Amino acid sequence: MPEQLLDFPQYVERTEASRQRLLHPIAFDDDRDDLEWTVRDVIEELEYLVDMKATKAPEEFVDGVREQARRLLK
């Protein structure tokens, strides 16, 4: 036999605690330093460097990778 559906007030009463917990920010939601944007940009730049590696001198490639590492570490 299928479970009986709750009316709206009963549903809210039963689910409100879970809903309230989901509204609280978690560590990954804290983006004050724009860290997520920086990481995504560095990944994009590294992909570009890898794609262009054949057309660059080895020193330029290494310098580019080091520059991206500095961006992540500051």
PDB file of N, CA and C in Angstrom:
ATOM      1  N   MET A   1       0.852  -1.183   0.000  1.00  0.00           N
ATOM      2  CA  MET A   1       0.000   0.000   0.000  1.00  0.00           C
ATOM      3  C   MET A   1       0.894   1.241   0.000  1.00  0.00           C
ATOM      4  N   PRO A   2       0.631   2.204  -0.873  1.00  0.00           N
ATOM      5  CA  PRO A   2       1.475   3.408  -0.951  1.00  0.00           C
ATOM      6  C   PRO A   2       1.369   4.226   0.333  1.00  0.00           C
ATOM      7  N   GLU A   3       2.483   4.917   0.625  1.00  0.00           N
ATOM      8  CA  GLU A   3       2.504   5.770   1.815  1.00  0.00           C
ATOM      9  C   GLU A   3       1.589   6.967   1.599  1.00  0.00           C
ATOM     10  N   GLN A   4       0.887   7.309   2.648  1.00  0.00           N
ATOM     11  CA  GLN A   4      -0.048   8.432   2.552  1.00  0.00           C
ATOM     12  C   GLN A   4       0.730   9.747   2.459  1.00  0.00           C
ATOM     13  N   LEU A   5       0.310  10.614   1.571  1.00  0.00           N
ATOM     14  CA  LEU A   5       0.955  11.914   1.419  1.00  0.00           C
ATOM     15  C   LEU A   5       0.595  12.814   2.583  1.00  0.00           C
ATOM     16  N   LEU A   6       1.573  13.597   3.026  1.00  0.00           N
ATOM     17  CA  LEU A   6       1.341  14.535   4.112  1.00  0.00           C
ATOM     18  C   LEU A   6       0.705  15.796   3.568  1.00  0.00           C
ATOM     19  N   ASP A   7      -0.112  16.437   4.394  1.00  0.00           N
ATOM     20  CA  ASP A   7      -0.593  17.744   3.957  1.00  0.00           C
ATOM     21  C   ASP A   7       0.549  18.743   4.174  1.00  0.00           C
ATOM     22  N   PHE A   8       0.431  19.917   3.654  1.00  0.00           N
ATOM     23  CA  PHE A   8       1.536  20.864   3.642  1.00  0.00           C
ATOM     24  C   PHE A   8       2.058  21.197   5.043  1.00  0.00           C
ATOM     25  N   PRO A   9       1.222  21.530   6.014  1.00  0.00           N
ATOM     26  CA  PRO A   9       1.755  21.832   7.357  1.00  0.00           C
ATOM     27  C   PRO A   9       2.544  20.656   7.957  1.00  0.00           C
ATOM     28  N   GLN A  10       2.089  19.446   7.745  1.00  0.00           N
ATOM     29  CA  GLN A  10       2.817  18.287   8.255  1.00  0.00           C
ATOM     30  C   GLN A  10       4.156  18.133   7.527  1.00  0.00           C
ATOM     31  N   TYR A  11       4.141  18.361   6.230  1.00  0.00           N
ATOM     32  CA  TYR A  11       5.372  18.268   5.438  1.00  0.00           C
ATOM     33  C   TYR A  11       6.398  19.292   5.926  1.00  0.00           C
ATOM     34  N   VAL A  12       5.950  20.531   6.133  1.00  0.00           N
ATOM     35  CA  VAL A  12       6.851  21.586   6.598  1.00  0.00           C
ATOM     36  C   VAL A  12       7.402  21.229   7.967  1.00  0.00           C
ATOM     37  N   GLU A  13       6.545  20.767   8.846  1.00  0.00           N
ATOM     38  CA  GLU A  13       6.981  20.405  10.189  1.00  0.00           C
ATOM     39  C   GLU A  13       8.051  19.306  10.143  1.00  0.00           C
ATOM     40  N   ARG A  14       7.870  18.363   9.287  1.00  0.00           N
ATOM     41  CA  ARG A  14       8.792  17.237   9.204  1.00  0.00           C
ATOM     42  C   ARG A  14      10.106  17.607   8.505  1.00  0.00           C
ATOM     43  N   THR A  15      10.083  18.556   7.588  1.00  0.00           N
ATOM     44  CA  THR A  15      11.276  18.861   6.782  1.00  0.00           C
ATOM     45  C   THR A  15      11.959  20.171   7.143  1.00  0.00           C
ATOM     46  N   GLU A  16      11.386  20.987   7.993  1.00  0.00           N
ATOM     47  CA  GLU A  16      11.931  22.317   8.264  1.00  0.00           C
ATOM     48  C   GLU A  16      13.337  22.265   8.865  1.00  0.00           C
ATOM     49  N   ALA A  17      13.597  21.362   9.761  1.00  0.00           N
ATOM     50  CA  ALA A  17      14.930  21.296  10.372  1.00  0.00           C
ATOM     51  C   ALA A  17      16.006  21.022   9.312  1.00  0.00           C
ATOM     52  N   SER A  18      15.728  20.117   8.417  1.00  0.00           N
ATOM     53  CA  SER A  18      16.689  19.824   7.338  1.00  0.00           C
ATOM     54  C   SER A  18      16.860  21.023   6.426  1.00  0.00           C
ATOM     55  N   ARG A  19      15.783  21.677   6.110  1.00  0.00           N
ATOM     56  CA  ARG A  19      15.844  22.848   5.234  1.00  0.00           C
ATOM     57  C   ARG A  19      16.672  23.960   5.874  1.00  0.00           C
ATOM     58  N   GLN A  20      16.496  24.180   7.167  1.00  0.00           N
ATOM     59  CA  GLN A  20      17.257  25.216   7.862  1.00  0.00           C
ATOM     60  C   GLN A  20      18.750  24.893   7.877  1.00  0.00           C
ATOM     61  N   ARG A  21      19.095  23.617   8.064  1.00  0.00           N
ATOM     62  CA  ARG A  21      20.509  23.227   8.040  1.00  0.00           C
ATOM     63  C   ARG A  21      21.134  23.518   6.687  1.00  0.00           C
ATOM     64  N   LEU A  22      20.376  23.304   5.622  1.00  0.00           N
ATOM     65  CA  LEU A  22      20.903  23.539   4.279  1.00  0.00           C
ATOM     66  C   LEU A  22      21.123  25.018   3.983  1.00  0.00           C
ATOM     67  N   LEU A  23      20.471  25.884   4.729  1.00  0.00           N
ATOM     68  CA  LEU A  23      20.625  27.317   4.504  1.00  0.00           C
ATOM     69  C   LEU A  23      21.913  27.872   5.099  1.00  0.00           C
ATOM     70  N   HIS A  24      22.500  27.166   6.059  1.00  0.00           N
ATOM     71  CA  HIS A  24      23.741  27.631   6.672  1.00  0.00           C
ATOM     72  C   HIS A  24      24.898  27.442   5.705  1.00  0.00           C
ATOM     73  N   PRO A  25      25.771  28.437   5.606  1.00  0.00           N
ATOM     74  CA  PRO A  25      26.911  28.296   4.697  1.00  0.00           C
ATOM     75  C   PRO A  25      27.881  27.228   5.206  1.00  0.00           C
ATOM     76  N   ILE A  26      28.536  26.594   4.277  1.00  0.00           N
ATOM     77  CA  ILE A  26      29.571  25.624   4.619  1.00  0.00           C
ATOM     78  C   ILE A  26      30.908  26.192   4.169  1.00  0.00           C
ATOM     79  N   ALA A  27      31.987  25.526   4.514  1.00  0.00           N
ATOM     80  CA  ALA A  27      33.322  26.051   4.213  1.00  0.00           C
ATOM     81  C   ALA A  27      33.511  26.333   2.729  1.00  0.00           C
ATOM     82  N   PHE A  28      32.954  25.505   1.866  1.00  0.00           N
ATOM     83  CA  PHE A  28      33.127  25.697   0.431  1.00  0.00           C
ATOM     84  C   PHE A  28      32.344  26.899  -0.099  1.00  0.00           C
ATOM     85  N   ASP A  29      31.366  27.381   0.677  1.00  0.00           N
ATOM     86  CA  ASP A  29      30.598  28.543   0.254  1.00  0.00           C
ATOM     87  C   ASP A  29      31.345  29.847   0.517  1.00  0.00           C
ATOM     88  N   ASP A  30      32.368  29.809   1.356  1.00  0.00           N
ATOM     89  CA  ASP A  30      33.106  31.011   1.725  1.00  0.00           C
ATOM     90  C   ASP A  30      34.068  31.367   0.603  1.00  0.00           C
ATOM     91  N   ASP A  31      33.737  32.406  -0.132  1.00  0.00           N
ATOM     92  CA  ASP A  31      34.542  32.781  -1.300  1.00  0.00           C
ATOM     93  C   ASP A  31      34.994  34.229  -1.181  1.00  0.00           C
ATOM     94  N   ARG A  32      35.349  34.654   0.039  1.00  0.00           N
ATOM     95  CA  ARG A  32      35.749  36.040   0.253  1.00  0.00           C
ATOM     96  C   ARG A  32      36.985  36.422  -0.541  1.00  0.00           C
ATOM     97  N   ASP A  33      37.891  35.484  -0.729  1.00  0.00           N
ATOM     98  CA  ASP A  33      39.148  35.783  -1.413  1.00  0.00           C
ATOM     99  C   ASP A  33      39.104  35.455  -2.902  1.00  0.00           C
ATOM    100  N   ASP A  34      37.929  35.144  -3.380  1.00  0.00           N
ATOM    101  CA  ASP A  34      37.784  34.757  -4.780  1.00  0.00           C
ATOM    102  C   ASP A  34      38.698  33.585  -5.128  1.00  0.00           C
ATOM    103  N   LEU A  35      38.902  32.706  -4.172  1.00  0.00           N
ATOM    104  CA  LEU A  35      39.802  31.569  -4.375  1.00  0.00           C
ATOM    105  C   LEU A  35      39.331  30.678  -5.517  1.00  0.00           C
ATOM    106  N   GLU A  36      38.040  30.405  -5.566  1.00  0.00           N
ATOM    107  CA  GLU A  36      37.541  29.521  -6.627  1.00  0.00           C
ATOM    108  C   GLU A  36      37.822  30.120  -8.001  1.00  0.00           C
ATOM    109  N   TRP A  37      37.598  31.419  -8.157  1.00  0.00           N
ATOM    110  CA  TRP A  37      37.847  32.060  -9.443  1.00  0.00           C
ATOM    111  C   TRP A  37      39.326  31.968  -9.796  1.00  0.00           C
ATOM    112  N   THR A  38      40.195  32.214  -8.812  1.00  0.00           N
ATOM    113  CA  THR A  38      41.633  32.155  -9.060  1.00  0.00           C
ATOM    114  C   THR A  38      42.054  30.759  -9.493  1.00  0.00           C
ATOM    115  N   VAL A  39      41.556  29.736  -8.799  1.00  0.00           N
ATOM    116  CA  VAL A  39      41.923  28.362  -9.146  1.00  0.00           C
ATOM    117  C   VAL A  39      41.468  28.029 -10.559  1.00  0.00           C
ATOM    118  N   ARG A  40      40.232  28.399 -10.892  1.00  0.00           N
ATOM    119  CA  ARG A  40      39.728  28.126 -12.245  1.00  0.00           C
ATOM    120  C   ARG A  40      40.566  28.853 -13.297  1.00  0.00           C
ATOM    121  N   ASP A  41      40.940  30.098 -13.009  1.00  0.00           N
ATOM    122  CA  ASP A  41      41.744  30.866 -13.959  1.00  0.00           C
ATOM    123  C   ASP A  41      43.135  30.252 -14.120  1.00  0.00           C
ATOM    124  N   VAL A  42      43.748  29.820 -13.020  1.00  0.00           N
ATOM    125  CA  VAL A  42      45.068  29.195 -13.086  1.00  0.00           C
ATOM    126  C   VAL A  42      45.001  27.903 -13.899  1.00  0.00           C
ATOM    127  N   ILE A  43      43.960  27.110 -13.672  1.00  0.00           N
ATOM    128  CA  ILE A  43      43.801  25.871 -14.450  1.00  0.00           C
ATOM    129  C   ILE A  43      43.696  26.192 -15.933  1.00  0.00           C
ATOM    130  N   GLU A  44      42.919  27.208 -16.267  1.00  0.00           N
ATOM    131  CA  GLU A  44      42.775  27.598 -17.671  1.00  0.00           C
ATOM    132  C   GLU A  44      44.122  28.043 -18.254  1.00  0.00           C
ATOM    133  N   GLU A  45      44.867  28.821 -17.485  1.00  0.00           N
ATOM    134  CA  GLU A  45      46.178  29.280 -17.959  1.00  0.00           C
ATOM    135  C   GLU A  45      47.143  28.106 -18.128  1.00  0.00           C
ATOM    136  N   LEU A  46      47.107  27.153 -17.206  1.00  0.00           N
ATOM    137  CA  LEU A  46      47.989  25.988 -17.326  1.00  0.00           C
ATOM    138  C   LEU A  46      47.625  25.154 -18.547  1.00  0.00           C
ATOM    139  N   GLU A  47      46.338  25.014 -18.810  1.00  0.00           N
ATOM    140  CA  GLU A  47      45.920  24.286 -20.018  1.00  0.00           C
ATOM    141  C   GLU A  47      46.427  24.993 -21.267  1.00  0.00           C
ATOM    142  N   TYR A  48      46.359  26.312 -21.267  1.00  0.00           N
ATOM    143  CA  TYR A  48      46.871  27.089 -22.397  1.00  0.00           C
ATOM    144  C   TYR A  48      48.373  26.864 -22.556  1.00  0.00           C
ATOM    145  N   LEU A  49      49.106  26.905 -21.431  1.00  0.00           N
ATOM    146  CA  LEU A  49      50.551  26.685 -21.493  1.00  0.00           C
ATOM    147  C   LEU A  49      50.880  25.308 -22.063  1.00  0.00           C
ATOM    148  N   VAL A  50      50.146  24.296 -21.636  1.00  0.00           N
ATOM    149  CA  VAL A  50      50.382  22.938 -22.138  1.00  0.00           C
ATOM    150  C   VAL A  50      50.089  22.876 -23.629  1.00  0.00           C
ATOM    151  N   ASP A  51      48.984  23.496 -24.049  1.00  0.00           N
ATOM    152  CA  ASP A  51      48.635  23.497 -25.471  1.00  0.00           C
ATOM    153  C   ASP A  51      49.689  24.210 -26.314  1.00  0.00           C
ATOM    154  N   MET A  52      50.297  25.243 -25.770  1.00  0.00           N
ATOM    155  CA  MET A  52      51.261  26.043 -26.524  1.00  0.00           C
ATOM    156  C   MET A  52      52.707  25.609 -26.290  1.00  0.00           C
ATOM    157  N   LYS A  53      52.912  24.548 -25.530  1.00  0.00           N
ATOM    158  CA  LYS A  53      54.268  24.113 -25.171  1.00  0.00           C
ATOM    159  C   LYS A  53      55.150  23.881 -26.394  1.00  0.00           C
ATOM    160  N   ALA A  54      54.600  23.342 -27.446  1.00  0.00           N
ATOM    161  CA  ALA A  54      55.393  23.031 -28.644  1.00  0.00           C
ATOM    162  C   ALA A  54      55.909  24.297 -29.320  1.00  0.00           C
ATOM    163  N   THR A  55      55.240  25.424 -29.104  1.00  0.00           N
ATOM    164  CA  THR A  55      55.656  26.664 -29.774  1.00  0.00           C
ATOM    165  C   THR A  55      56.480  27.571 -28.879  1.00  0.00           C
ATOM    166  N   LYS A  56      56.714  27.163 -27.637  1.00  0.00           N
ATOM    167  CA  LYS A  56      57.469  27.992 -26.691  1.00  0.00           C
ATOM    168  C   LYS A  56      58.817  27.353 -26.385  1.00  0.00           C
ATOM    169  N   ALA A  57      59.726  28.198 -25.984  1.00  0.00           N
ATOM    170  CA  ALA A  57      61.009  27.699 -25.492  1.00  0.00           C
ATOM    171  C   ALA A  57      60.760  27.036 -24.133  1.00  0.00           C
ATOM    172  N   PRO A  58      61.539  26.018 -23.792  1.00  0.00           N
ATOM    173  CA  PRO A  58      61.334  25.335 -22.502  1.00  0.00           C
ATOM    174  C   PRO A  58      61.374  26.293 -21.300  1.00  0.00           C
ATOM    175  N   GLU A  59      62.223  27.303 -21.353  1.00  0.00           N
ATOM    176  CA  GLU A  59      62.311  28.268 -20.254  1.00  0.00           C
ATOM    177  C   GLU A  59      61.014  29.061 -20.110  1.00  0.00           C
ATOM    178  N   GLU A  60      60.412  29.440 -21.242  1.00  0.00           N
ATOM    179  CA  GLU A  60      59.145  30.176 -21.205  1.00  0.00           C
ATOM    180  C   GLU A  60      58.038  29.327 -20.584  1.00  0.00           C
ATOM    181  N   PHE A  61      58.027  28.053 -20.944  1.00  0.00           N
ATOM    182  CA  PHE A  61      57.024  27.151 -20.388  1.00  0.00           C
ATOM    183  C   PHE A  61      57.180  27.039 -18.870  1.00  0.00           C
ATOM    184  N   VAL A  62      58.419  26.807 -18.423  1.00  0.00           N
ATOM    185  CA  VAL A  62      58.680  26.672 -16.983  1.00  0.00           C
ATOM    186  C   VAL A  62      58.350  27.971 -16.260  1.00  0.00           C
ATOM    187  N   ASP A  63      58.711  29.105 -16.838  1.00  0.00           N
ATOM    188  CA  ASP A  63      58.397  30.397 -16.225  1.00  0.00           C
ATOM    189  C   ASP A  63      56.888  30.594 -16.107  1.00  0.00           C
ATOM    190  N   GLY A  64      56.158  30.195 -17.128  1.00  0.00           N
ATOM    191  CA  GLY A  64      54.699  30.311 -17.088  1.00  0.00           C
ATOM    192  C   GLY A  64      54.083  29.453 -15.999  1.00  0.00           C
ATOM    193  N   VAL A  65      54.570  28.242 -15.855  1.00  0.00           N
ATOM    194  CA  VAL A  65      54.066  27.352 -14.803  1.00  0.00           C
ATOM    195  C   VAL A  65      54.402  27.928 -13.430  1.00  0.00           C
ATOM    196  N   ARG A  66      55.600  28.436 -13.264  1.00  0.00           N
ATOM    197  CA  ARG A  66      55.993  29.027 -11.976  1.00  0.00           C
ATOM    198  C   ARG A  66      55.129  30.245 -11.642  1.00  0.00           C
ATOM    199  N   GLU A  67      54.837  31.052 -12.639  1.00  0.00           N
ATOM    200  CA  GLU A  67      53.986  32.230 -12.419  1.00  0.00           C
ATOM    201  C   GLU A  67      52.602  31.808 -11.930  1.00  0.00           C
ATOM    202  N   GLN A  68      52.040  30.768 -12.520  1.00  0.00           N
ATOM    203  CA  GLN A  68      50.726  30.290 -12.088  1.00  0.00           C
ATOM    204  C   GLN A  68      50.797  29.719 -10.666  1.00  0.00           C
ATOM    205  N   ALA A  69      51.895  29.049 -10.334  1.00  0.00           N
ATOM    206  CA  ALA A  69      52.071  28.528  -8.971  1.00  0.00           C
ATOM    207  C   ALA A  69      52.136  29.680  -7.971  1.00  0.00           C
ATOM    208  N   ARG A  70      52.817  30.756  -8.326  1.00  0.00           N
ATOM    209  CA  ARG A  70      52.888  31.929  -7.446  1.00  0.00           C
ATOM    210  C   ARG A  70      51.501  32.517  -7.219  1.00  0.00           C
ATOM    211  N   ARG A  71      50.696  32.548  -8.255  1.00  0.00           N
ATOM    212  CA  ARG A  71      49.332  33.076  -8.109  1.00  0.00           C
ATOM    213  C   ARG A  71      48.522  32.265  -7.097  1.00  0.00           C
ATOM    214  N   LEU A  72      48.726  30.945  -7.096  1.00  0.00           N
ATOM    215  CA  LEU A  72      47.988  30.101  -6.148  1.00  0.00           C
ATOM    216  C   LEU A  72      48.510  30.241  -4.722  1.00  0.00           C
ATOM    217  N   LEU A  73      49.799  30.496  -4.582  1.00  0.00           N
ATOM    218  CA  LEU A  73      50.404  30.519  -3.255  1.00  0.00           C
ATOM    219  C   LEU A  73      50.304  31.856  -2.547  1.00  0.00           C
ATOM    220  N   LYS A  74      49.911  32.910  -3.246  1.00  0.00           N
ATOM    221  CA  LYS A  74      49.831  34.204  -2.541  1.00  0.00           C
ATOM    222  C   LYS A  74      48.526  34.376  -1.814  1.00  0.00           C
TER     223      LYS A  74
END
